[in-house]
Each structure stands twice: as structure tokens, then as C-alpha cells.
Amino acid sequence: MPNPKIKNEAQYDALRDKGYSQEKSARIANTPDAGKKGGKAKPYEDWTKEELYSQAKNVGINGRSKMNKEELINALRNN
């Protein structure tokens, strides 16, 4: 029986079969463009140190002011 609250029933059923909860499955199935490939961000290696520092600040990485570019990349990837 179709659920009118679920926008993508096939995706919802597939997520439930994988063991996702009803709530999480519904959230994902009701998200526009869910399942499509993500953003177009360039790799961290192509970012400037200032851009990396700003991103580290946004996500709350401590000690970022003393980090070099390589350390900032590592911290962002492992945060």
C-alpha cells in the first residue's frame, strides 16, 4: 500500500531492505535529488592555505592557526 508521505517509494523500500530505520529512510526518500552524485568541490590540495584555515575554523578544529597546509588538510579529512 503506497504511503502518500513518501515521495520515492522505491528508494524508501530499498533503504528499509538495507536496514535503515523508517524515519531515516523516509527522510532520504523525501529529499529532492537524493542519491545523485554530490557537489563539485575541488580537492583540498587545490585549496589555498587561507581557504583551508577558514574551513577548519568553520568546523571547529583546534590549533589550526599553527598548522601548515598539509596539516590543515589532514585535520579536515580526519575531523
Protein backbone atom coordinates (compact mmCIF):
# COMPACT_ATOMS: atom_id res chain seq x y z
CA MET A 1 0.00 0.00 0.00
CA PRO A 2 1.60 3.29 -1.08
CA ASN A 3 2.33 5.86 1.59
CA PRO A 4 1.36 9.37 0.44
CA LYS A 5 4.02 10.87 2.74
CA ILE A 6 6.85 9.08 0.88
CA LYS A 7 7.90 10.77 -2.38
CA ASN A 8 10.15 7.97 -3.66
CA GLU A 9 8.67 4.61 -2.61
CA ALA A 10 11.28 2.52 -4.46
CA GLN A 11 14.15 4.30 -2.74
CA TYR A 12 12.37 4.07 0.63
CA ASP A 13 11.87 0.30 0.22
CA ALA A 14 15.49 -0.21 -0.84
CA LEU A 15 16.73 1.68 2.22
CA ARG A 16 14.45 -0.29 4.52
CA ASP A 17 15.78 -3.53 2.97
CA LYS A 18 19.31 -2.34 3.82
CA GLY A 19 18.26 -1.96 7.45
CA TYR A 20 17.71 1.79 7.69
CA SER A 21 15.06 2.96 10.15
CA GLN A 22 11.67 4.09 8.88
CA GLU A 23 12.46 7.68 9.84
CA LYS A 24 15.86 7.79 8.13
CA SER A 25 14.54 6.01 5.04
CA ALA A 26 11.67 8.50 4.76
CA ARG A 27 13.99 11.47 5.23
CA ILE A 28 16.29 10.30 2.46
CA ALA A 29 13.47 9.26 0.11
CA ASN A 30 11.78 12.64 0.54
CA THR A 31 14.92 14.67 -0.15
CA PRO A 32 14.95 16.20 -3.63
CA ASP A 33 17.71 14.72 -5.81
CA ALA A 34 18.67 12.19 -3.10
CA GLY A 35 21.03 9.59 -4.44
CA LYS A 36 22.55 11.80 -7.09
CA LYS A 37 26.26 12.43 -7.09
CA GLY A 38 27.38 15.15 -4.71
CA GLY A 39 28.95 18.55 -5.07
CA LYS A 40 31.72 19.78 -7.29
CA ALA A 41 34.20 20.88 -4.63
CA LYS A 42 37.82 20.80 -5.69
CA PRO A 43 40.25 18.58 -3.72
CA TYR A 44 41.79 20.11 -0.59
CA GLU A 45 45.19 20.05 -2.29
CA ASP A 46 43.90 22.69 -4.72
CA TRP A 47 42.67 24.99 -1.92
CA THR A 48 44.77 27.86 -0.64
CA LYS A 49 46.02 27.77 2.94
CA GLU A 50 43.59 30.60 3.73
CA GLU A 51 40.65 28.61 2.36
CA LEU A 52 41.70 25.56 4.36
CA TYR A 53 42.09 27.68 7.50
CA SER A 54 38.61 29.14 7.01
CA GLN A 55 37.09 25.68 6.56
CA ALA A 56 38.94 24.42 9.65
CA LYS A 57 37.54 27.37 11.58
CA ASN A 58 34.01 26.59 10.35
CA VAL A 59 34.20 23.01 11.59
CA GLY A 60 35.92 23.94 14.87
CA ILE A 61 39.39 22.42 14.50
CA ASN A 62 41.58 23.47 17.42
CA GLY A 63 45.20 24.51 16.84
CA ARG A 64 44.55 25.49 13.23
CA SER A 65 46.49 28.74 13.47
CA LYS A 66 49.75 26.81 13.98
CA MET A 67 49.12 24.28 11.19
CA ASN A 68 50.69 24.33 7.76
CA LYS A 69 48.70 23.50 4.63
CA GLU A 70 49.38 19.75 4.83
CA GLU A 71 48.37 19.62 8.50
CA LEU A 72 45.16 21.53 7.79
CA ILE A 73 44.27 19.06 5.02
CA ASN A 74 44.92 16.13 7.34
CA ALA A 75 42.88 17.70 10.16
CA LEU A 76 39.94 18.41 7.84
CA ARG A 77 39.93 14.89 6.46
CA ASN A 78 40.10 13.29 9.88
CA ASN A 79 37.66 15.54 11.67
